[in-house]
Amino acid sequence: MTVLACEGVDAGYTRGRPVVRAFDLELLPGEVVALLGPNGAGKTTLLLTLAGLLPWLKGSVTLDGHQVRGGRARVAARRGLVLVPDDRSLFTQLTVRDNLALARRRHGSTVDQVLDYFPALGKRLKVAAGMLSGGEQQMLALGRALIQDPRVLLVDELSLGLAPVIVEELLPVVRRIADGTGTAVVLVEQHVRLALEVADRAVVLVHGDTVLNGSAARLAADPGLLERAYLGEQLAEPPA
C-alpha cells in the first residue's frame, strides 16, 4: 500500500510562481527515493512543503490514504511526515539525551532503540549537542527524527559539511532504518553515487521540473543518463 502520494504538486514561496511544478510521487513503506538535481532545482523547497513548513500551491498529498493539508507542520509531524533539515536544527545547549527525549512520542520508540542505529551516541548522551562533531550532530538529527516513529522520513542534505568518509558511514544507516522499521525515506543528497547505492529509486529535478524517475540501480549503471538529466533533458523512465 502506498504510504505517501503526491499528485500534481506545485511548491514555492509565492502563489502563481512555483519553484517546483506538477510533482508526482508514490512512495511505498520501506522504500528509499533519492531526490537528485543541481543546486536551485527545488529539492529543499519540496521537502519543506511536504513537511508542512510551506503550503503547497497546487495539487494534493495523501499519507496512508488520508489527505494532508499544506502549511501545518505540527499536524504533518504528528501524522508521520518528519523532516531532518539541512541545518539539523538541534538544541545545542541541551544534551544528546534531552534532544531525543523532547522529540519522543508517548509510548513510542525509546532512546535505546535509536542507539541501536547510532551506537556512537551512547557514550555522548550527557554531552551538549553543540559540543558534538559534525558527524555526531547528524546522527543526533537522524535519531531525533527516528524517535518520532515517522511513516515518511524526509532527509535534506545529510552530507552537508561532512567528510566523505562520514557520509559513507551514515547513508547505509538510512537504508537500515528503512529496512528495519518500514519507514519510507525521501533523501536529498549531492553525493549522487552514494545516494544511488542506498536508494531504490531516484527522481531528478531540474529547474523545478521532474526530468527523470527510475530505478536507482539502473541510473547508477548509466552515469550518462544522469548527466543528460542534470543538463535538463527530459528523459523517459529507464527500465528497472
Protein backbone atom coordinates (compact mmCIF):
# COMPACT_ATOMS: atom_id res chain seq x y z
CA MET A 1 0.00 0.00 0.00
CA THR A 2 1.24 3.47 -0.90
CA VAL A 3 2.27 5.40 2.22
CA LEU A 4 2.78 8.79 0.55
CA ALA A 5 1.26 10.02 -2.68
CA CYS A 6 1.90 13.41 -4.29
CA GLU A 7 -0.17 14.34 -7.30
CA GLY A 8 0.44 17.44 -9.38
CA VAL A 9 2.10 19.32 -6.52
CA ASP A 10 3.29 22.87 -7.16
CA ALA A 11 5.60 24.15 -4.41
CA GLY A 12 7.10 27.56 -3.80
CA TYR A 13 7.07 30.74 -1.79
CA THR A 14 4.79 32.96 -3.87
CA ARG A 15 1.42 31.93 -5.24
CA GLY A 16 1.49 31.89 -9.01
CA ARG A 17 5.27 31.47 -9.12
CA PRO A 18 6.01 27.85 -8.18
CA VAL A 19 9.57 26.64 -7.68
CA VAL A 20 8.52 23.01 -8.23
CA ARG A 21 5.83 22.19 -10.77
CA ALA A 22 3.47 19.24 -11.19
CA PHE A 23 5.43 16.91 -8.92
CA ASP A 24 4.15 13.33 -8.70
CA LEU A 25 5.40 10.59 -6.40
CA GLU A 26 4.13 7.34 -4.93
CA LEU A 27 6.19 6.01 -2.03
CA LEU A 28 5.90 2.54 -0.52
CA PRO A 29 6.70 1.54 3.09
CA GLY A 30 10.42 0.85 3.48
CA GLU A 31 11.26 2.43 0.12
CA VAL A 32 14.11 4.92 -0.26
CA VAL A 33 13.81 7.52 -3.02
CA ALA A 34 16.80 9.71 -3.80
CA LEU A 35 15.72 13.22 -4.84
CA LEU A 36 18.55 14.49 -7.01
CA GLY A 37 19.31 17.54 -9.10
CA PRO A 38 21.59 20.57 -9.37
CA ASN A 39 21.58 23.43 -6.89
CA GLY A 40 18.45 25.52 -7.21
CA ALA A 41 16.37 22.70 -8.63
CA GLY A 42 13.74 22.98 -5.87
CA LYS A 43 14.61 19.91 -3.80
CA THR A 44 14.69 21.63 -0.40
CA THR A 45 11.56 23.64 -1.25
CA LEU A 46 9.76 20.39 -1.99
CA LEU A 47 10.81 18.78 1.31
CA LEU A 48 9.77 21.89 3.27
CA THR A 49 6.40 21.72 1.54
CA LEU A 50 5.88 18.04 2.29
CA ALA A 51 6.84 18.68 5.92
CA GLY A 52 4.16 21.37 6.18
CA LEU A 53 6.57 24.27 6.60
CA LEU A 54 5.35 25.72 3.30
CA PRO A 55 1.85 25.46 1.86
CA TRP A 56 1.70 23.73 -1.50
CA LEU A 57 0.35 25.97 -4.21
CA LYS A 58 -1.46 23.29 -6.17
CA GLY A 59 -2.10 19.55 -6.16
CA SER A 60 -2.71 17.03 -3.39
CA VAL A 61 -0.71 14.98 -0.88
CA THR A 62 -2.02 11.93 0.91
CA LEU A 63 -0.43 9.96 3.75
CA ASP A 64 -1.73 6.43 4.29
CA GLY A 65 -4.68 7.36 2.11
CA HIS A 66 -5.64 10.44 4.13
CA GLN A 67 -5.44 13.94 2.69
CA VAL A 68 -2.73 16.14 4.21
CA ARG A 69 -3.21 19.89 4.34
CA GLY A 70 -0.28 22.12 3.47
CA GLY A 71 1.31 24.68 5.74
CA ARG A 72 0.66 22.80 9.00
CA ALA A 73 4.00 21.42 10.15
CA ARG A 74 2.85 20.18 13.58
CA VAL A 75 -0.03 18.25 12.05
CA ALA A 76 2.23 16.76 9.37
CA ALA A 77 4.76 15.65 12.01
CA ARG A 78 2.08 14.06 14.19
CA ARG A 79 0.80 12.13 11.21
CA GLY A 80 4.29 10.86 10.46
CA LEU A 81 5.92 13.22 7.96
CA VAL A 82 9.19 14.04 9.75
CA LEU A 83 11.92 16.29 8.35
CA VAL A 84 15.66 16.19 9.03
CA PRO A 85 16.60 19.72 7.87
CA ASP A 86 19.90 20.54 6.25
CA ASP A 87 20.95 22.69 9.24
CA ARG A 88 19.99 19.86 11.69
CA SER A 89 18.21 22.41 13.98
CA LEU A 90 19.38 20.80 17.21
CA PHE A 91 19.01 22.33 20.67
CA THR A 92 22.73 22.92 21.00
CA GLN A 93 22.66 23.77 24.73
CA LEU A 94 20.80 20.58 25.62
CA THR A 95 22.36 17.17 25.96
CA VAL A 96 22.02 14.39 23.43
CA ARG A 97 19.61 12.57 25.75
CA ASP A 98 17.48 15.68 26.21
CA ASN A 99 17.29 16.33 22.47
CA LEU A 100 16.00 12.80 21.98
CA ALA A 101 13.64 12.94 24.96
CA LEU A 102 11.99 16.14 23.71
CA ALA A 103 11.13 14.51 20.39
CA ARG A 104 9.96 11.15 21.75
CA ARG A 105 6.28 10.29 21.42
CA ARG A 106 4.41 8.81 24.34
CA HIS A 107 4.61 5.00 24.14
CA GLY A 108 6.87 5.40 21.07
CA SER A 109 10.42 4.31 20.31
CA THR A 110 12.93 4.54 23.13
CA VAL A 111 16.36 6.12 23.30
CA ASP A 112 17.90 2.64 23.41
CA GLN A 113 16.15 1.71 20.17
CA VAL A 114 17.60 4.79 18.49
CA LEU A 115 21.05 3.96 19.83
CA ASP A 116 20.85 0.59 18.06
CA TYR A 117 21.27 2.58 14.84
CA PHE A 118 23.71 5.13 16.26
CA PRO A 119 25.79 3.36 18.93
CA ALA A 120 28.43 6.13 18.84
CA LEU A 121 25.91 8.42 20.57
CA GLY A 122 25.68 6.04 23.52
CA LYS A 123 28.84 7.48 25.06
CA ARG A 124 27.73 11.04 24.35
CA LEU A 125 24.30 11.12 25.98
CA LYS A 126 25.35 13.65 28.64
CA VAL A 127 27.20 15.90 26.18
CA ALA A 128 25.61 19.12 24.87
CA ALA A 129 24.63 18.80 21.22
CA GLY A 130 26.71 21.86 20.37
CA MET A 131 29.85 20.05 21.52
CA LEU A 132 29.42 17.12 19.15
CA SER A 133 31.34 16.63 15.94
CA GLY A 134 29.54 17.26 12.67
CA GLY A 135 29.01 13.55 12.13
CA GLU A 136 27.67 13.07 15.64
CA GLN A 137 25.31 16.01 15.20
CA GLN A 138 23.94 14.44 12.04
CA MET A 139 23.47 11.15 13.87
CA LEU A 140 21.54 13.02 16.55
CA ALA A 141 19.40 14.81 13.96
CA LEU A 142 18.53 11.48 12.36
CA GLY A 143 17.97 9.88 15.76
CA ARG A 144 15.68 12.70 16.86
CA ALA A 145 13.59 12.15 13.73
CA LEU A 146 13.60 8.38 14.16
CA ILE A 147 12.40 8.53 17.76
CA GLN A 148 9.22 10.21 16.45
CA ASP A 149 8.28 6.94 14.72
CA PRO A 150 7.91 8.50 11.26
CA ARG A 151 5.92 6.96 8.46
CA VAL A 152 7.93 9.06 5.99
CA LEU A 153 11.40 10.44 6.75
CA LEU A 154 12.44 13.49 4.73
CA VAL A 155 16.24 13.88 4.85
CA ASP A 156 17.70 17.09 3.41
CA GLU A 157 21.41 17.08 2.53
CA LEU A 158 22.64 14.57 5.09
CA SER A 159 26.20 15.06 3.84
CA LEU A 160 26.30 18.85 4.20
CA GLY A 161 29.57 19.88 5.86
CA LEU A 162 30.68 16.30 6.48
CA ALA A 163 33.80 14.49 5.31
CA PRO A 164 33.09 11.87 2.62
CA VAL A 165 34.18 9.06 4.94
CA ILE A 166 31.47 10.06 7.44
CA VAL A 167 28.88 10.20 4.67
CA GLU A 168 29.84 6.69 3.61
CA GLU A 169 29.07 5.52 7.15
CA LEU A 170 25.78 7.40 7.59
CA LEU A 171 23.98 6.77 4.31
CA PRO A 172 23.83 2.98 4.80
CA VAL A 173 22.19 3.66 8.18
CA VAL A 174 19.35 5.36 6.31
CA ARG A 175 18.92 2.13 4.34
CA ARG A 176 18.93 0.12 7.57
CA ILE A 177 16.27 2.37 9.08
CA ALA A 178 14.02 1.89 6.04
CA ASP A 179 14.52 -1.88 6.05
CA GLY A 180 14.29 -2.30 9.82
CA THR A 181 11.31 -0.05 10.56
CA GLY A 182 9.38 0.09 7.29
CA THR A 183 9.83 3.86 7.23
CA ALA A 184 9.73 5.34 3.73
CA VAL A 185 12.52 7.82 3.00
CA VAL A 186 12.92 10.76 0.62
CA LEU A 187 16.62 11.58 0.55
CA VAL A 188 18.03 14.79 -0.93
CA GLU A 189 21.72 14.26 -1.49
CA GLN A 190 24.53 15.79 -3.56
CA HIS A 191 26.72 12.69 -3.30
CA VAL A 192 24.88 11.06 -6.17
CA ARG A 193 26.81 7.79 -6.32
CA LEU A 194 26.42 7.12 -2.60
CA ALA A 195 22.74 8.06 -2.67
CA LEU A 196 22.06 5.65 -5.52
CA GLU A 197 23.77 2.85 -3.59
CA VAL A 198 21.19 3.03 -0.78
CA ALA A 199 18.11 4.11 -2.76
CA ASP A 200 15.52 2.01 -4.56
CA ARG A 201 14.55 4.75 -6.98
CA ALA A 202 15.74 8.21 -7.97
CA VAL A 203 13.88 11.30 -9.09
CA VAL A 204 15.82 14.10 -10.78
CA LEU A 205 14.55 17.68 -10.55
CA VAL A 206 15.93 20.41 -12.79
CA HIS A 207 14.57 23.97 -12.54
CA GLY A 208 11.53 22.61 -10.70
CA ASP A 209 10.58 20.01 -13.29
CA THR A 210 10.88 16.23 -12.97
CA VAL A 211 13.14 15.16 -15.82
CA LEU A 212 13.85 11.59 -14.74
CA ASN A 213 12.26 8.98 -12.48
CA GLY A 214 13.68 5.49 -12.44
CA SER A 215 15.48 2.61 -10.77
CA ALA A 216 18.48 3.67 -8.70
CA ALA A 217 20.46 0.61 -9.80
CA ARG A 218 19.78 1.38 -13.46
CA LEU A 219 20.84 5.01 -13.06
CA ALA A 220 23.99 4.02 -11.17
CA ALA A 221 24.93 1.76 -14.06
CA ASP A 222 24.42 4.52 -16.64
CA PRO A 223 26.06 7.78 -15.47
CA GLY A 224 25.47 9.31 -18.89
CA LEU A 225 21.74 9.14 -18.35
CA LEU A 226 22.08 11.18 -15.17
CA GLU A 227 24.39 13.67 -16.85
CA ARG A 228 21.81 14.31 -19.57
CA ALA A 229 19.10 14.67 -16.93
CA TYR A 230 21.17 17.23 -14.99
CA LEU A 231 21.51 19.21 -18.20
CA GLY A 232 17.73 19.41 -18.32
CA GLU A 233 16.98 16.83 -20.99
CA GLN A 234 13.50 15.31 -20.49
CA LEU A 235 14.01 11.56 -20.36
CA ALA A 236 11.66 8.63 -20.23
CA GLU A 237 11.80 6.43 -17.15
CA PRO A 238 14.61 3.90 -17.63
CA PRO A 239 13.82 0.20 -17.37
CA ALA A 240 14.33 -1.50 -13.99
